Amino acid sequence: MNEVAGKIFSIARENAPVPGCTISKAVSDANGNYVMHFSLAEGTNISAELYSYRKLWIVHEGELRVTGKGGAAALKEGEAFITPADVAVGSASDGGCVYTEITLKEESAMNEILKDKKVFALKDLIPYVEDRVINMDLIDEEKLKFVVMSFTAGTGLPEHAATGDALVFALEGEATIRYEGGDYRIRAGENFKFAKGGAHSIAADQNFKMALLLILE
């Protein structure tokens, strides 16, 4: 995964739009699952194209319009959208935006709560339950998982390590990530990468929600 592990960063800040341009950054192409960050400057667009697979778009900053036959939806920061397969879909922004795209294979097991061509906020998909950590798989493949999680104050996850790279999207609240012996305070709108085998834990002293993209080997 083409991000630096062990530091708090912001996908939005590190992929800020350049006037008059559209920019893409390849994050991962492991196992045929492509992860890209896109930045669209004010008044720019990516023309509608056909793909045989669905794509998950997550907006980090600004507003994104879905164009083409895939719908006429408008997304803002924190919202997401699943493009349909075999339908021409494009993207445009009037004021500029930054978003992440995750390709989904034909056989991807997708939670039935998700629907193509519907705008949704990731943080609203999962509730808080007192003294509980809640986990909801949104995408479940052999080599890729995309999960949303909620932590109420005082809960967390003990130290563990994953068998692949993982990317955290903080959605709401704050928490402390301990990674390889260091403590990192993460807030809504920020991101963090765990490298394969990196020992980490999470402690929430207030309510906290996050999404996790896991690329397995």
Protein backbone atom coordinates (compact mmCIF):
# COMPACT_ATOMS: atom_id res chain seq x y z
CA MET A 1 0.00 0.00 0.00
CA ASN A 2 1.49 3.29 -1.14
CA GLU A 3 1.13 5.22 2.12
CA VAL A 4 3.62 5.70 4.96
CA ALA A 5 2.91 3.57 8.04
CA GLY A 6 3.13 4.87 11.58
CA LYS A 7 2.02 8.49 11.22
CA ILE A 8 -1.20 10.48 11.32
CA PHE A 9 -1.96 11.99 7.93
CA SER A 10 -4.85 13.39 5.92
CA ILE A 11 -5.74 12.02 2.50
CA ALA A 12 -7.48 15.34 1.79
CA ARG A 13 -4.47 17.52 2.67
CA GLU A 14 -1.89 15.31 1.00
CA ASN A 15 -3.90 15.14 -2.23
CA ALA A 16 -5.03 18.75 -2.46
CA PRO A 17 -6.45 19.76 -5.86
CA VAL A 18 -4.26 21.64 -8.34
CA PRO A 19 -6.12 24.41 -10.24
CA GLY A 20 -7.44 23.24 -13.58
CA CYS A 21 -6.32 19.64 -13.07
CA THR A 22 -7.58 16.20 -12.13
CA ILE A 23 -5.01 14.05 -10.32
CA SER A 24 -4.91 10.37 -9.38
CA LYS A 25 -2.60 8.55 -6.99
CA ALA A 26 -2.28 4.76 -7.03
CA VAL A 27 -2.42 3.42 -3.46
CA SER A 28 -2.64 -0.33 -4.07
CA ASP A 29 -3.13 -2.81 -6.88
CA ALA A 30 -2.70 -5.94 -4.75
CA ASN A 31 -4.72 -8.99 -5.78
CA GLY A 32 -6.40 -7.04 -8.58
CA ASN A 33 -8.16 -4.69 -6.14
CA TYR A 34 -7.23 -1.16 -7.14
CA VAL A 35 -7.25 1.65 -4.56
CA MET A 36 -6.78 5.20 -5.86
CA HIS A 37 -7.00 8.72 -4.46
CA PHE A 38 -8.43 11.34 -6.82
CA SER A 39 -8.40 15.13 -6.58
CA LEU A 40 -10.61 17.23 -8.83
CA ALA A 41 -10.00 20.96 -9.05
CA GLU A 42 -12.85 23.45 -9.18
CA GLY A 43 -14.88 22.99 -12.37
CA THR A 44 -13.13 19.82 -13.53
CA ASN A 45 -14.45 16.35 -14.27
CA ILE A 46 -13.62 12.79 -15.25
CA SER A 47 -15.79 11.74 -18.17
CA ALA A 48 -18.23 8.86 -17.85
CA GLU A 49 -16.71 5.44 -18.56
CA LEU A 50 -17.93 1.84 -18.54
CA TYR A 51 -16.45 -0.73 -16.17
CA SER A 52 -17.41 -4.37 -15.71
CA TYR A 53 -17.11 -4.00 -11.93
CA ARG A 54 -18.46 -1.73 -9.20
CA LYS A 55 -16.41 0.94 -7.46
CA LEU A 56 -16.74 2.42 -3.97
CA TRP A 57 -16.14 6.19 -3.80
CA ILE A 58 -15.44 7.87 -0.44
CA VAL A 59 -15.34 11.70 -0.33
CA HIS A 60 -12.79 13.24 2.05
CA GLU A 61 -13.17 16.92 1.21
CA GLY A 62 -15.38 19.12 -0.95
CA GLU A 63 -18.33 17.99 -3.05
CA LEU A 64 -18.48 15.38 -5.80
CA ARG A 65 -21.16 14.98 -8.46
CA VAL A 66 -21.84 11.62 -10.06
CA THR A 67 -22.38 12.01 -13.79
CA GLY A 68 -23.43 9.74 -16.65
CA LYS A 69 -26.08 7.04 -16.59
CA GLY A 70 -24.95 5.86 -13.14
CA GLY A 71 -27.04 8.53 -11.49
CA ALA A 72 -27.05 12.25 -10.73
CA ALA A 73 -26.09 12.02 -7.06
CA ALA A 74 -24.14 14.65 -5.11
CA LEU A 75 -21.76 13.64 -2.32
CA LYS A 76 -20.12 15.72 0.38
CA GLU A 77 -17.36 15.06 2.91
CA GLY A 78 -17.83 11.75 4.75
CA GLU A 79 -20.28 10.34 2.22
CA ALA A 80 -19.83 7.37 -0.10
CA PHE A 81 -21.32 5.93 -3.27
CA ILE A 82 -21.16 2.59 -5.09
CA THR A 83 -21.11 2.82 -8.87
CA PRO A 84 -23.01 0.15 -10.82
CA ALA A 85 -21.23 -2.26 -13.14
CA ASP A 86 -21.57 -1.95 -16.93
CA VAL A 87 -23.07 1.53 -16.71
CA ALA A 88 -21.26 4.70 -17.84
CA VAL A 89 -20.35 6.72 -14.74
CA GLY A 90 -18.21 9.81 -14.35
CA SER A 91 -17.36 12.35 -11.66
CA ALA A 92 -17.27 16.15 -11.51
CA SER A 93 -16.78 18.88 -8.92
CA ASP A 94 -17.90 22.51 -9.02
CA GLY A 95 -15.76 23.61 -6.07
CA GLY A 96 -13.05 20.92 -5.92
CA CYS A 97 -12.91 17.63 -4.04
CA VAL A 98 -10.72 14.73 -2.92
CA TYR A 99 -12.00 11.16 -2.87
CA THR A 100 -10.82 7.56 -2.69
CA GLU A 101 -11.90 4.87 -5.13
CA ILE A 102 -11.85 1.14 -4.28
CA THR A 103 -12.62 -1.32 -7.07
CA LEU A 104 -14.89 -4.23 -6.19
CA LYS A 105 -14.64 -7.56 -7.95
CA GLU A 106 -17.69 -9.18 -9.51
CA GLU A 107 -17.71 -11.82 -6.78
CA SER A 108 -17.31 -9.30 -3.93
CA ALA A 109 -19.53 -10.11 -0.98
CA MET A 110 -21.19 -6.79 -0.19
CA ASN A 111 -23.31 -6.13 2.89
CA GLU A 112 -26.98 -5.94 1.89
CA ILE A 113 -27.22 -2.58 3.67
CA LEU A 114 -25.30 -1.11 0.72
CA LYS A 115 -27.08 -0.31 -2.54
CA ASP A 116 -25.71 0.76 -5.90
CA LYS A 117 -26.34 4.40 -6.87
CA LYS A 118 -27.29 5.44 -3.32
CA VAL A 119 -25.42 8.11 -1.33
CA PHE A 120 -24.65 7.12 2.27
CA ALA A 121 -22.53 8.36 5.17
CA LEU A 122 -20.16 5.69 6.47
CA LYS A 123 -20.48 6.91 10.06
CA ASP A 124 -24.26 6.52 9.96
CA LEU A 125 -24.17 2.83 9.02
CA ILE A 126 -23.30 1.64 12.51
CA PRO A 127 -24.59 2.64 15.98
CA TYR A 128 -22.89 3.10 19.31
CA VAL A 129 -23.73 0.56 22.03
CA GLU A 130 -22.57 1.32 25.57
CA ASP A 131 -19.42 -0.57 26.63
CA ARG A 132 -19.21 -2.29 23.26
CA VAL A 133 -17.04 -2.29 20.16
CA ILE A 134 -19.23 -2.85 17.08
CA ASN A 135 -17.87 -4.16 13.80
CA MET A 136 -19.74 -4.29 10.46
CA ASP A 137 -18.20 -5.84 7.34
CA LEU A 138 -19.21 -3.83 4.28
CA ILE A 139 -17.01 -5.60 1.72
CA ASP A 140 -15.72 -9.10 2.40
CA GLU A 141 -13.38 -10.75 -0.10
CA GLU A 142 -10.65 -13.32 0.32
CA LYS A 143 -7.96 -10.65 -0.06
CA LEU A 144 -9.80 -7.43 0.77
CA LYS A 145 -12.03 -6.32 3.61
CA PHE A 146 -13.69 -2.96 4.22
CA VAL A 147 -15.16 -2.55 7.69
CA VAL A 148 -16.80 0.17 9.79
CA MET A 149 -16.37 0.12 13.56
CA SER A 150 -17.75 2.04 16.54
CA PHE A 151 -16.19 2.36 20.00
CA THR A 152 -17.90 3.88 23.01
CA ALA A 153 -15.82 5.76 25.58
CA GLY A 154 -13.58 3.40 27.55
CA THR A 155 -13.52 0.62 24.96
CA GLY A 156 -10.81 -0.41 22.52
CA LEU A 157 -8.92 -3.24 20.89
CA PRO A 158 -5.94 -5.02 22.48
CA GLU A 159 -2.61 -5.20 20.71
CA HIS A 160 -2.62 -7.36 17.59
CA ALA A 161 -1.18 -7.41 14.07
CA ALA A 162 -2.75 -7.97 10.65
CA THR A 163 -1.52 -10.23 7.87
CA GLY A 164 -1.60 -7.35 5.38
CA ASP A 165 -1.52 -3.57 5.14
CA ALA A 166 -4.45 -1.66 6.65
CA LEU A 167 -5.68 1.91 6.17
CA VAL A 168 -7.77 3.66 8.86
CA PHE A 169 -10.34 6.36 8.01
CA ALA A 170 -11.37 8.20 11.21
CA LEU A 171 -15.06 9.09 10.79
CA GLU A 172 -16.22 10.59 14.10
CA GLY A 173 -14.69 11.51 17.45
CA GLU A 174 -11.11 10.79 18.57
CA ALA A 175 -9.07 7.82 19.75
CA THR A 176 -5.49 6.87 20.55
CA ILE A 177 -3.70 4.41 18.32
CA ARG A 178 -0.68 2.65 19.77
CA TYR A 179 1.53 1.45 16.96
CA GLU A 180 4.92 -0.22 17.37
CA GLY A 181 5.36 1.35 20.81
CA GLY A 182 4.28 4.91 19.90
CA ASP A 183 0.99 6.68 20.69
CA TYR A 184 -0.89 8.63 18.00
CA ARG A 185 -4.02 10.69 18.54
CA ILE A 186 -6.36 10.37 15.55
CA ARG A 187 -9.36 12.60 14.86
CA ALA A 188 -12.26 12.57 12.42
CA GLY A 189 -11.02 13.29 8.91
CA GLU A 190 -7.54 11.86 9.55
CA ASN A 191 -5.92 8.63 8.44
CA PHE A 192 -3.36 6.08 9.62
CA LYS A 193 -1.67 3.10 7.99
CA PHE A 194 -0.73 -0.15 9.74
CA ALA A 195 1.95 -2.07 7.85
CA LYS A 196 1.68 -5.84 7.56
CA GLY A 197 2.69 -7.36 10.90
CA GLY A 198 2.76 -4.00 12.70
CA ALA A 199 1.65 -4.38 16.32
CA HIS A 200 -1.15 -1.97 17.17
CA SER A 201 -4.04 -1.30 19.55
CA ILE A 202 -6.85 1.26 19.79
CA ALA A 203 -8.17 3.03 22.89
CA ALA A 204 -11.23 5.31 22.80
CA ASP A 205 -11.69 7.72 25.71
CA GLN A 206 -14.70 9.16 23.88
CA ASN A 207 -17.11 7.79 21.30
CA PHE A 208 -15.23 7.03 18.08
CA LYS A 209 -16.07 5.62 14.66
CA MET A 210 -13.69 4.51 11.93
CA ALA A 211 -13.55 2.60 8.67
CA LEU A 212 -10.77 0.11 7.97
CA LEU A 213 -9.51 -1.05 4.58
CA LEU A 214 -7.51 -4.27 4.89
CA ILE A 215 -5.46 -5.67 1.99
CA LEU A 216 -4.65 -9.30 2.81
CA GLU A 217 -1.93 -11.52 1.40
